[in-house]
């Protein structure tokens, strides 16, 4: 039986108060090679998944947008372009190494927007502040996903939209091939490219421990969102969930 004060770190069970630091160590290790590995692992498809998510977000000039676990700022940069000079796009991440890379990329693109290191489970923003909140490939690393979803809902304006792009439950006939890739190829790539097979083994394990599509949709409803729906991509390898705050 699981300890009520423990949580999953991949397939391991660890004390809740250790998960954030262990996830942080993973991203400290992979930050400098993060984008290269994303392109290799997904054969570039992560760019398509993010482009679809950006289109669904439908950010317009003047909007306020929060990018949670925004990392290297792929999404924040595009949101900033769409929100324009009258908009406000906050790039946030709990990990300083990732946030530093994202902030520098924003500045390199001439996009002067705020960047803040913070915990998604305790967002330092007022209620009903943002028009859009986005989290891409970050929710599964959070210790208390329900609390993070509640916080992201709290900071949304009525009528605002939360979007969650995350690895999900693959179509069942694809599971054997997907497992072979996840637990064989990913650690090998991690070793060859990033010099860190264990971090990419954790990636594969964390995906398996993440809620499936229907479970996450219900968690979003429980957080106070309505009109929740999801879009499967690549046979369920990833899914984009979205919901609206009333």
Protein backbone atom coordinates (compact mmCIF):
# COMPACT_ATOMS: atom_id res chain seq x y z
CA UNK A 1 0.00 0.00 0.00
CA UNK A 2 1.30 3.48 -0.89
CA UNK A 3 2.39 5.87 1.81
CA UNK A 4 -0.10 8.80 1.78
CA UNK A 5 2.85 11.21 1.94
CA UNK A 6 4.64 9.65 -1.03
CA UNK A 7 4.32 10.20 -4.75
CA UNK A 8 5.63 8.81 -8.02
CA UNK A 9 8.96 9.77 -9.53
CA UNK A 10 8.74 7.67 -12.67
CA UNK A 11 8.17 4.12 -11.43
CA UNK A 12 9.75 4.86 -8.06
CA UNK A 13 7.80 5.93 -5.01
CA UNK A 14 9.45 8.83 -3.20
CA UNK A 15 8.51 11.20 -0.35
CA UNK A 16 6.41 14.08 -1.68
CA UNK A 17 8.89 16.65 -0.43
CA UNK A 18 11.65 15.11 -2.56
CA UNK A 19 9.91 14.99 -5.93
CA UNK A 20 10.39 18.63 -6.94
CA UNK A 21 14.12 18.52 -6.24
CA UNK A 22 14.54 15.25 -8.13
CA UNK A 23 12.61 16.56 -11.14
CA UNK A 24 14.71 19.72 -10.89
CA UNK A 25 17.89 17.66 -11.10
CA UNK A 26 16.58 15.99 -14.26
CA UNK A 27 16.00 19.33 -15.99
CA UNK A 28 19.26 20.83 -14.75
CA UNK A 29 20.95 17.90 -16.45
CA UNK A 30 19.11 18.09 -19.79
CA UNK A 31 18.49 21.86 -20.17
CA UNK A 32 21.34 22.57 -22.60
CA UNK A 33 20.29 19.73 -24.92
CA UNK A 34 16.55 19.93 -24.33
CA UNK A 35 15.47 21.22 -27.74
CA UNK A 36 17.87 19.01 -29.67
CA UNK A 37 16.54 15.96 -27.83
CA UNK A 38 12.93 17.01 -28.42
CA UNK A 39 13.57 17.13 -32.17
CA UNK A 40 15.30 13.74 -32.13
CA UNK A 41 12.80 12.00 -29.84
CA UNK A 42 9.73 13.15 -31.76
CA UNK A 43 11.28 13.37 -35.25
CA UNK A 44 10.30 17.04 -35.12
CA UNK A 45 6.64 16.30 -34.40
CA UNK A 46 6.72 18.28 -31.15
CA UNK A 47 6.73 21.40 -33.33
CA UNK A 48 3.49 20.29 -34.99
CA UNK A 49 1.87 19.49 -31.63
CA UNK A 50 2.86 22.92 -30.29
CA UNK A 51 1.68 24.68 -33.45
CA UNK A 52 -1.74 23.03 -33.08
CA UNK A 53 -1.87 24.09 -29.41
CA UNK A 54 -0.97 27.68 -30.32
CA UNK A 55 -3.75 27.72 -32.92
CA UNK A 56 -6.27 26.38 -30.37
CA UNK A 57 -5.21 29.01 -27.85
CA UNK A 58 -6.27 31.72 -30.32
CA UNK A 59 -4.28 34.44 -28.56
CA UNK A 60 -5.25 37.90 -29.79
CA UNK A 61 -3.58 41.31 -29.48
CA UNK A 62 -3.71 42.71 -25.96
CA UNK A 63 -4.32 39.39 -24.21
CA UNK A 64 -2.63 38.30 -20.98
CA UNK A 65 -1.10 34.84 -21.25
CA UNK A 66 0.59 32.59 -18.68
CA UNK A 67 2.98 29.90 -19.94
CA UNK A 68 3.43 27.44 -17.05
CA UNK A 69 6.54 25.22 -17.11
CA UNK A 70 7.40 27.19 -20.23
CA UNK A 71 11.01 26.04 -20.31
CA UNK A 72 12.83 27.12 -23.45
CA UNK A 73 9.95 29.43 -24.48
CA UNK A 74 8.79 27.77 -27.71
CA UNK A 75 5.21 28.70 -26.86
CA UNK A 76 5.87 32.00 -25.07
CA UNK A 77 7.68 33.43 -28.09
CA UNK A 78 4.74 32.75 -30.38
CA UNK A 79 2.21 33.93 -27.80
CA UNK A 80 4.18 37.18 -27.40
CA UNK A 81 4.13 37.79 -31.15
CA UNK A 82 0.37 37.24 -31.25
CA UNK A 83 -0.42 39.25 -28.12
CA UNK A 84 1.60 42.16 -29.51
CA UNK A 85 3.03 45.16 -27.67
CA UNK A 86 -0.23 45.69 -25.78
CA UNK A 87 -0.27 42.11 -24.49
CA UNK A 88 1.41 40.47 -21.54
CA UNK A 89 3.03 37.02 -21.72
CA UNK A 90 4.54 35.52 -18.57
CA UNK A 91 7.15 32.80 -19.10
CA UNK A 92 7.33 30.74 -15.89
CA UNK A 93 9.15 27.61 -14.82
CA UNK A 94 10.12 26.06 -11.50
CA UNK A 95 13.56 25.21 -12.92
CA UNK A 96 16.07 28.06 -13.14
CA UNK A 97 18.24 26.37 -15.81
CA UNK A 98 15.31 25.97 -18.19
CA UNK A 99 13.91 29.42 -17.44
CA UNK A 100 17.26 31.07 -18.14
CA UNK A 101 17.40 29.53 -21.61
CA UNK A 102 13.82 30.55 -22.36
CA UNK A 103 14.30 34.10 -21.12
CA UNK A 104 17.43 34.53 -23.24
CA UNK A 105 15.64 33.25 -26.33
CA UNK A 106 12.80 35.69 -25.79
CA UNK A 107 15.29 38.55 -25.55
CA UNK A 108 17.23 37.30 -28.59
CA UNK A 109 13.95 37.54 -30.54
CA UNK A 110 13.39 41.09 -29.30
CA UNK A 111 10.43 40.02 -27.16
CA UNK A 112 10.60 41.86 -23.85
CA UNK A 113 8.20 39.99 -21.58
CA UNK A 114 8.38 38.95 -17.91
CA UNK A 115 10.03 35.67 -16.88
CA UNK A 116 9.49 34.29 -13.39
CA UNK A 117 10.69 31.22 -11.50
CA UNK A 118 7.70 29.85 -9.61
CA UNK A 119 5.86 26.70 -8.58
CA UNK A 120 2.69 25.93 -10.55
CA UNK A 121 1.06 24.62 -7.37
CA UNK A 122 1.40 28.09 -5.78
CA UNK A 123 1.10 30.66 -8.55
CA UNK A 124 1.98 34.22 -7.42
CA UNK A 125 -0.75 35.89 -9.49
CA UNK A 126 -4.11 37.39 -8.54
CA UNK A 127 -7.40 35.69 -9.27
CA UNK A 128 -8.90 36.09 -12.74
CA UNK A 129 -5.83 37.77 -14.26
CA UNK A 130 -5.10 35.84 -17.47
CA UNK A 131 -7.03 35.29 -20.70
CA UNK A 132 -5.09 32.11 -21.47
CA UNK A 133 -3.03 29.67 -19.40
CA UNK A 134 -0.90 27.03 -21.15
CA UNK A 135 1.15 24.16 -19.78
CA UNK A 136 3.04 21.99 -22.27
CA UNK A 137 4.79 18.79 -21.20
CA UNK A 138 4.98 20.00 -17.61
CA UNK A 139 1.91 18.75 -15.76
CA UNK A 140 3.12 15.17 -15.41
CA UNK A 141 6.17 16.38 -13.45
CA UNK A 142 4.07 18.16 -10.82
CA UNK A 143 3.62 16.54 -7.42
CA UNK A 144 -0.01 17.58 -6.86
CA UNK A 145 -1.56 17.81 -10.31
CA UNK A 146 -5.01 18.60 -8.91
CA UNK A 147 -3.64 21.57 -6.97
CA UNK A 148 -1.74 22.84 -10.02
CA UNK A 149 -4.89 22.61 -12.17
CA UNK A 150 -6.88 24.45 -9.50
CA UNK A 151 -4.25 27.21 -9.38
CA UNK A 152 -4.19 27.57 -13.16
CA UNK A 153 -7.99 27.78 -13.15
CA UNK A 154 -7.95 30.35 -10.33
CA UNK A 155 -5.80 32.81 -12.27
CA UNK A 156 -7.98 32.59 -15.40
CA UNK A 157 -10.55 35.26 -16.15
CA UNK A 158 -14.15 34.09 -16.62
CA UNK A 159 -14.28 32.91 -20.22
CA UNK A 160 -10.52 32.31 -20.20
CA UNK A 161 -9.08 29.05 -21.47
CA UNK A 162 -6.64 26.56 -19.95
CA UNK A 163 -4.73 24.34 -22.39
CA UNK A 164 -2.74 21.28 -21.31
CA UNK A 165 -0.46 19.64 -23.88
CA UNK A 166 0.97 16.43 -22.49
CA UNK A 167 2.05 12.89 -23.30
CA UNK A 168 -0.92 10.61 -22.86
CA UNK A 169 -2.20 7.06 -23.35
CA UNK A 170 -1.25 5.65 -26.73
CA UNK A 171 -3.66 3.64 -28.89
CA UNK A 172 -3.53 0.09 -27.48
CA UNK A 173 -2.32 -1.73 -30.63
CA UNK A 174 0.69 0.61 -30.68
CA UNK A 175 1.70 -0.07 -27.05
CA UNK A 176 4.32 -2.82 -27.69
CA UNK A 177 6.18 -0.74 -30.28
CA UNK A 178 5.84 2.39 -28.15
CA UNK A 179 7.24 0.58 -25.10
CA UNK A 180 10.20 -0.68 -27.13
CA UNK A 181 10.93 2.85 -28.29
CA UNK A 182 10.38 4.44 -24.87
CA UNK A 183 12.47 2.07 -22.78
CA UNK A 184 15.08 1.17 -25.42
CA UNK A 185 15.62 4.02 -27.85
CA UNK A 186 14.98 7.01 -25.55
CA UNK A 187 17.61 6.10 -22.91
CA UNK A 188 20.07 5.29 -25.70
CA UNK A 189 19.48 8.72 -27.28
CA UNK A 190 19.79 10.32 -23.87
CA UNK A 191 23.15 8.67 -23.36
CA UNK A 192 24.51 9.49 -26.83
CA UNK A 193 23.24 13.08 -27.15
CA UNK A 194 22.78 14.39 -23.60
CA UNK A 195 25.13 12.04 -21.73
CA UNK A 196 22.26 11.17 -19.40
CA UNK A 197 20.27 7.98 -20.04
CA UNK A 198 18.61 8.05 -16.60
CA UNK A 199 16.78 11.32 -17.21
CA UNK A 200 15.23 9.92 -20.37
CA UNK A 201 14.34 6.68 -18.61
CA UNK A 202 12.51 8.87 -16.10
CA UNK A 203 10.74 10.59 -19.02
CA UNK A 204 9.40 7.26 -20.29
CA UNK A 205 8.33 6.19 -16.81
CA UNK A 206 6.67 9.51 -15.98
CA UNK A 207 4.56 9.26 -19.14
CA UNK A 208 3.26 5.84 -18.05
CA UNK A 209 2.31 7.21 -14.61
CA UNK A 210 0.45 10.25 -16.00
CA UNK A 211 -3.38 10.17 -16.05
CA UNK A 212 -4.98 9.01 -19.28
CA UNK A 213 -7.08 11.30 -21.46
CA UNK A 214 -10.44 10.76 -19.76
CA UNK A 215 -8.98 10.93 -16.26
CA UNK A 216 -7.24 14.23 -16.96
CA UNK A 217 -10.42 15.63 -18.52
CA UNK A 218 -12.30 14.83 -15.31
CA UNK A 219 -9.53 16.37 -13.21
CA UNK A 220 -9.95 19.58 -15.19
CA UNK A 221 -13.70 19.56 -14.56
CA UNK A 222 -13.06 18.98 -10.88
CA UNK A 223 -10.76 22.03 -10.92
CA UNK A 224 -13.71 24.16 -12.03
CA UNK A 225 -13.42 24.16 -15.81
CA UNK A 226 -16.28 23.65 -18.23
CA UNK A 227 -16.52 22.66 -21.90
CA UNK A 228 -13.56 20.35 -21.36
CA UNK A 229 -12.43 18.43 -24.43
CA UNK A 230 -9.27 16.84 -25.74
CA UNK A 231 -7.58 16.15 -29.06
CA UNK A 232 -5.45 13.05 -29.53
CA UNK A 233 -2.36 13.37 -31.71
CA UNK A 234 0.00 10.70 -33.03
CA UNK A 235 -2.32 7.92 -31.93
CA UNK A 236 -2.60 9.24 -28.38
CA UNK A 237 1.14 9.66 -27.85
CA UNK A 238 0.18 13.20 -26.91
CA UNK A 239 -3.13 14.91 -26.24
CA UNK A 240 -4.18 18.53 -25.99
CA UNK A 241 -6.82 19.14 -23.33
CA UNK A 242 -8.66 22.42 -23.05
CA UNK A 243 -11.29 23.86 -20.74
CA UNK A 244 -12.95 27.20 -20.07
CA UNK A 245 -13.47 28.97 -16.74
CA UNK A 246 -17.03 30.16 -16.31
